[in-house]
Protein backbone atom coordinates (compact mmCIF):
# COMPACT_ATOMS: atom_id res chain seq x y z
CA UNK A 1 97.22 88.70 115.97
CA UNK A 2 97.11 92.47 115.48
CA UNK A 3 94.57 94.38 117.55
CA UNK A 4 92.60 97.09 115.76
CA UNK A 5 90.39 99.68 117.44
CA UNK A 6 87.66 101.01 115.12
CA UNK A 7 85.56 104.09 115.82
CA UNK A 8 83.80 106.92 113.98
CA UNK A 9 81.86 110.15 114.49
CA UNK A 10 78.64 109.29 112.65
CA UNK A 11 77.42 106.91 115.34
CA UNK A 12 77.27 103.19 115.96
CA UNK A 13 74.52 102.68 113.33
CA UNK A 14 76.45 104.31 110.50
CA UNK A 15 76.89 102.17 107.37
CA UNK A 16 80.29 103.83 107.00
CA UNK A 17 81.41 102.31 110.31
CA UNK A 18 80.04 98.92 109.29
CA UNK A 19 81.92 99.17 105.98
CA UNK A 20 85.14 99.98 107.86
CA UNK A 21 84.64 96.95 110.10
CA UNK A 22 84.11 94.68 107.10
CA UNK A 23 87.22 96.05 105.39
CA UNK A 24 89.34 95.52 108.51
CA UNK A 25 88.08 92.01 109.30
CA UNK A 26 90.99 90.22 107.55
CA UNK A 27 93.59 92.39 109.27
CA UNK A 28 93.30 91.35 112.89
CA UNK A 29 91.18 91.23 116.05
CA UNK A 30 88.68 94.09 116.01
CA UNK A 31 87.48 96.25 118.89
CA UNK A 32 84.62 98.51 117.82
CA UNK A 33 83.65 101.49 119.99
CA UNK A 34 81.58 104.37 118.64
CA UNK A 35 79.36 107.20 119.86
CA UNK A 36 75.70 106.38 120.40
CA UNK A 37 74.61 109.21 118.13
CA UNK A 38 75.83 111.49 115.35
CA UNK A 39 78.95 113.42 116.42
CA UNK A 40 79.82 115.35 113.28
CA UNK A 41 81.58 118.65 113.95
CA UNK A 42 82.58 117.83 117.53
CA UNK A 43 86.30 117.87 116.83
CA UNK A 44 88.23 116.53 119.81
CA UNK A 45 85.60 117.64 122.31
CA UNK A 46 85.31 115.49 125.43
CA UNK A 47 81.59 115.98 125.90
CA UNK A 48 78.82 113.54 126.70
CA UNK A 49 76.89 111.75 129.39
CA UNK A 50 79.61 111.23 131.98
CA UNK A 51 77.43 108.70 133.81
CA UNK A 52 77.19 106.44 130.78
CA UNK A 53 79.17 103.28 130.10
CA UNK A 54 79.95 100.96 127.21
CA UNK A 55 76.88 99.15 125.89
CA UNK A 56 77.54 95.91 124.03
CA UNK A 57 75.74 95.12 120.77
CA UNK A 58 76.30 92.86 117.76
CA UNK A 59 76.97 94.36 114.34
CA UNK A 60 75.83 92.26 111.36
CA UNK A 61 78.86 92.44 109.06
CA UNK A 62 79.64 90.10 106.17
CA UNK A 63 77.19 87.43 107.41
CA UNK A 64 78.84 87.57 110.83
CA UNK A 65 77.99 89.08 114.19
CA UNK A 66 80.76 91.41 115.36
CA UNK A 67 80.89 92.48 118.99
CA UNK A 68 80.77 96.26 119.31
CA UNK A 69 80.15 98.92 121.92
CA UNK A 70 78.57 102.35 121.97
CA UNK A 71 78.63 105.16 124.51
CA UNK A 72 76.59 108.36 124.80
CA UNK A 73 79.44 110.80 124.23
CA UNK A 74 81.60 112.59 121.67
CA UNK A 75 83.87 110.59 119.32
CA UNK A 76 87.08 111.51 121.15
CA UNK A 77 85.56 110.63 124.52
CA UNK A 78 84.36 107.30 123.11
CA UNK A 79 87.97 106.56 122.18
CA UNK A 80 89.28 107.65 125.56
CA UNK A 81 86.75 105.58 127.50
CA UNK A 82 87.01 102.60 125.17
CA UNK A 83 90.77 102.47 125.59
CA UNK A 84 90.50 102.79 129.37
CA UNK A 85 88.03 99.91 129.59
CA UNK A 86 89.19 97.53 126.86
CA UNK A 87 92.94 98.21 126.92
CA UNK A 88 93.91 98.90 130.56
CA UNK A 89 97.33 97.26 130.26
CA UNK A 90 98.30 97.60 126.60
CA UNK A 91 97.39 99.45 123.44
CA UNK A 92 95.94 98.31 120.11
CA UNK A 93 98.27 98.18 117.12
CA UNK A 94 96.12 100.52 115.03
CA UNK A 95 93.15 102.85 115.41
CA UNK A 96 90.83 103.46 112.46
CA UNK A 97 88.30 106.30 112.56
CA UNK A 98 85.62 106.24 109.85
CA UNK A 99 84.50 105.73 107.20
CA UNK A 100 83.10 109.23 107.46
CA UNK A 101 80.20 110.57 105.41
CA UNK A 102 81.93 113.52 103.77
CA UNK A 103 85.51 114.51 103.03
CA UNK A 104 87.69 116.18 105.69
CA UNK A 105 89.99 118.66 104.00
CA UNK A 106 92.03 121.77 104.73
CA UNK A 107 91.94 123.70 107.98
CA UNK A 108 88.44 122.49 108.81
CA UNK A 109 89.92 119.17 109.98
CA UNK A 110 90.09 120.58 113.52
CA UNK A 111 86.27 120.65 113.51
CA UNK A 112 85.98 117.02 112.42
CA UNK A 113 84.83 114.39 114.88
CA UNK A 114 86.47 111.77 112.67
CA UNK A 115 89.82 113.53 113.03
CA UNK A 116 89.11 114.26 116.70
CA UNK A 117 88.81 110.53 117.40
CA UNK A 118 91.99 109.84 115.44
CA UNK A 119 93.89 112.60 117.27
CA UNK A 120 92.75 111.09 120.56
CA UNK A 121 94.09 107.72 119.52
CA UNK A 122 97.37 109.20 118.30
CA UNK A 123 97.76 111.14 121.56
CA UNK A 124 97.53 107.81 123.37
CA UNK A 125 100.44 106.49 121.31
CA UNK A 126 98.46 104.50 118.76
CA UNK A 127 99.17 104.79 115.01
CA UNK A 128 95.86 106.18 113.76
CA UNK A 129 94.09 106.42 110.40
CA UNK A 130 91.19 108.81 109.77
CA UNK A 131 89.16 107.75 106.74
CA UNK A 132 86.62 109.96 104.97
CA UNK A 133 84.70 109.50 101.73
CA UNK A 134 83.45 112.41 99.65
CA UNK A 135 79.66 112.60 99.49
CA UNK A 136 76.99 115.08 98.55
CA UNK A 137 76.39 117.70 101.24
CA UNK A 138 72.91 116.38 102.02
CA UNK A 139 74.40 113.02 103.06
CA UNK A 140 76.47 114.38 105.94
CA UNK A 141 73.79 113.92 108.58
CA UNK A 142 71.82 111.08 107.03
CA UNK A 143 72.68 107.41 106.58
CA UNK A 144 72.19 107.24 102.84
CA UNK A 145 73.01 104.10 100.86
CA UNK A 146 76.45 104.54 99.28
CA UNK A 147 79.02 102.46 97.43
CA UNK A 148 81.83 102.00 99.96
CA UNK A 149 84.01 99.68 97.85
CA UNK A 150 86.65 102.24 96.87
CA UNK A 151 86.95 103.66 100.37
CA UNK A 152 87.14 100.16 101.87
CA UNK A 153 89.89 99.20 99.45
CA UNK A 154 92.07 102.17 100.38
CA UNK A 155 91.28 101.79 104.09
CA UNK A 156 92.58 98.23 103.92
CA UNK A 157 95.52 99.21 101.70
CA UNK A 158 96.88 101.87 104.06
CA UNK A 159 95.95 99.95 107.21
CA UNK A 160 98.18 97.08 106.06
CA UNK A 161 101.06 99.47 105.54
CA UNK A 162 100.59 100.99 109.00
CA UNK A 163 100.44 97.55 110.62
CA UNK A 164 103.61 96.40 108.86
CA UNK A 165 105.69 99.58 109.03
CA UNK A 166 106.38 102.16 111.71
CA UNK A 167 105.31 105.69 110.87
CA UNK A 168 108.19 108.15 110.40
CA UNK A 169 109.13 110.53 113.18
CA UNK A 170 106.70 113.47 113.48
CA UNK A 171 103.93 111.52 111.71
CA UNK A 172 101.34 110.56 114.32
CA UNK A 173 98.35 109.83 112.13
CA UNK A 174 97.32 109.58 108.51
CA UNK A 175 94.30 111.32 106.99
CA UNK A 176 92.76 109.44 104.08
CA UNK A 177 90.20 111.12 101.82
CA UNK A 178 88.56 109.18 99.00
CA UNK A 179 86.76 111.02 96.17
CA UNK A 180 83.19 110.21 95.24
CA UNK A 181 83.10 107.40 92.69
CA UNK A 182 86.64 106.19 93.39
CA UNK A 183 87.41 102.55 92.74
CA UNK A 184 90.42 100.31 93.28
CA UNK A 185 92.16 101.73 90.20
CA UNK A 186 91.90 105.35 91.33
CA UNK A 187 95.35 106.88 91.81
CA UNK A 188 96.49 108.17 95.18
CA UNK A 189 99.00 110.78 96.23
CA UNK A 190 100.67 112.00 99.40
CA UNK A 191 99.45 115.51 100.16
CA UNK A 192 99.88 118.36 102.58
CA UNK A 193 97.05 119.95 104.54
CA UNK A 194 95.73 122.94 102.64
CA UNK A 195 95.58 126.29 104.45
CA UNK A 196 92.13 126.89 102.97
CA UNK A 197 88.98 126.16 105.01
CA UNK A 198 87.04 124.14 102.39
CA UNK A 199 83.78 124.16 104.38
CA UNK A 200 82.13 127.49 105.11
CA UNK A 201 78.89 128.58 106.75
CA UNK A 202 76.94 131.25 104.91
CA UNK A 203 73.82 133.19 105.97
CA UNK A 204 71.81 134.93 103.26
CA UNK A 205 70.82 138.46 104.24
CA UNK A 206 71.99 138.16 107.86
CA UNK A 207 70.47 140.30 110.64
CA UNK A 208 70.90 140.37 114.40
CA UNK A 209 67.91 138.05 114.57
CA UNK A 210 69.57 135.44 112.37
CA UNK A 211 70.04 132.14 114.21
CA UNK A 212 72.97 129.76 113.95
CA UNK A 213 70.79 127.24 112.12
CA UNK A 214 70.14 129.80 109.39
CA UNK A 215 73.68 129.23 108.13
CA UNK A 216 73.99 127.03 105.07
CA UNK A 217 76.97 124.72 104.78
CA UNK A 218 78.83 125.36 101.53
CA UNK A 219 82.09 124.28 99.95
CA UNK A 220 84.21 127.24 98.94
CA UNK A 221 87.58 126.78 97.25
CA UNK A 222 89.79 129.46 95.72
CA UNK A 223 91.52 127.45 93.01
CA UNK A 224 93.79 130.38 92.12
CA UNK A 225 95.40 130.25 95.57
CA UNK A 226 95.10 126.51 96.10
CA UNK A 227 98.35 124.68 96.84
CA UNK A 228 99.07 122.15 94.09
CA UNK A 229 100.30 119.54 96.56
CA UNK A 230 97.38 119.89 98.99
CA UNK A 231 94.61 117.55 100.03
CA UNK A 232 91.95 119.89 98.64
CA UNK A 233 93.67 120.05 95.26
CA UNK A 234 94.01 116.26 95.08
CA UNK A 235 90.33 115.60 95.79
CA UNK A 236 88.60 118.72 94.49
CA UNK A 237 90.66 119.27 91.34
CA UNK A 238 92.57 116.07 90.60
CA UNK A 239 89.86 113.61 91.73
CA UNK A 240 92.55 111.43 93.29
CA UNK A 241 92.78 109.78 96.68
CA UNK A 242 94.59 111.95 99.22
CA UNK A 243 96.76 110.57 102.03
CA UNK A 244 98.01 113.29 104.38
CA UNK A 245 100.56 112.71 107.17
CA UNK A 246 99.65 114.72 110.26
CA UNK A 247 101.58 115.56 113.42
CA UNK A 248 100.36 116.16 116.95
CA UNK A 249 102.90 118.98 117.13
CA UNK A 250 101.01 122.11 116.09
CA UNK A 251 104.07 124.28 116.63
CA UNK A 252 105.01 126.43 113.64
CA UNK A 253 108.09 125.09 111.83
CA UNK A 254 109.99 128.36 112.23
CA UNK A 255 113.24 128.82 114.11
CA UNK A 256 112.14 129.28 117.70
CA UNK A 257 115.46 130.96 118.54
CA UNK A 258 114.99 133.52 115.76
CA UNK A 259 111.42 134.15 116.81
CA UNK A 260 112.52 134.55 120.39
CA UNK A 261 115.06 137.18 119.32
CA UNK A 262 112.43 139.04 117.32
CA UNK A 263 110.08 139.15 120.26
CA UNK A 264 112.82 140.49 122.55
CA UNK A 265 113.73 143.38 120.29
CA UNK A 266 112.82 146.79 121.67
C-alpha cells in the first residue's frame, strides 16, 4: 500500500486539511502531520517551539477517525520533524500539502507556507504536491465554510498520476491551484510560474509611524505584461485549473560558461 504524508500551513484544525485527507483516503495509508496553528506566509522557515513534540489526535473524516499529529512549529519544520519521527528508515511515496485557503501564484510562492512544506518534502526526496484553492481575501486567516469538491477532485486526480508515474527529471514538485467555483468538469492546463508577484501589501498614506499591520493585502496583476502560459493567467484570466511543475534548482537557465566569461571580462 502506498504511504502518503499529508500536511498544510493553515493548521491541524483547517477544513482544507480535512478535505485533503478525505480526498486521499482511497489512495493509500495516510500519515497526517500539521502545524498546531496558522502558518500562512512562513515560507520554508524552520521556526517554532523546539521543545515541542508530535501530539496525537483523531480527525473526524468521512465518518471515520483518522490518526493525525500536530506540532507547535512552522509548516516546513512540521514536515521535517514528522519525517524524522514517523519515517526514520524509509520515505513516503507522496507528500501532499494543502488544501490551502487561497491561491499561491507567481513569485509570491516563496512566501507560502503551503509551498514551504512541499519544498521541504521534495528536498527530502519525496514527490510532493502543493494544493491551493482560490478564495476571497478575507478567508485566508479564517476557517470559513467552503465547497472543497473541485479541489478534492483535482487533488486526487494528480495524486494518482504522481503515485503511478515518476516525475520527469528537474521536476521535484507540482503546484496545483484551483479557481473559486471549479468543479470536476473545469479544464486544467500545465503552466509556468509567472514572474509577477500577484499578492502585494499596500499602505494608504504611509508615514514613518506606519506599522507593518497597516498594510492591506491586495491582488495586483498587470494583464498587459502577463505571460499567457503562466499560472496567474490560467487562474486569474482563464479561470482554469493550473498545474505548475517546479524544480528545487533555482539556478538561472543561462549558460554558466558564458556568464563566467562575461564576469571575467575587464
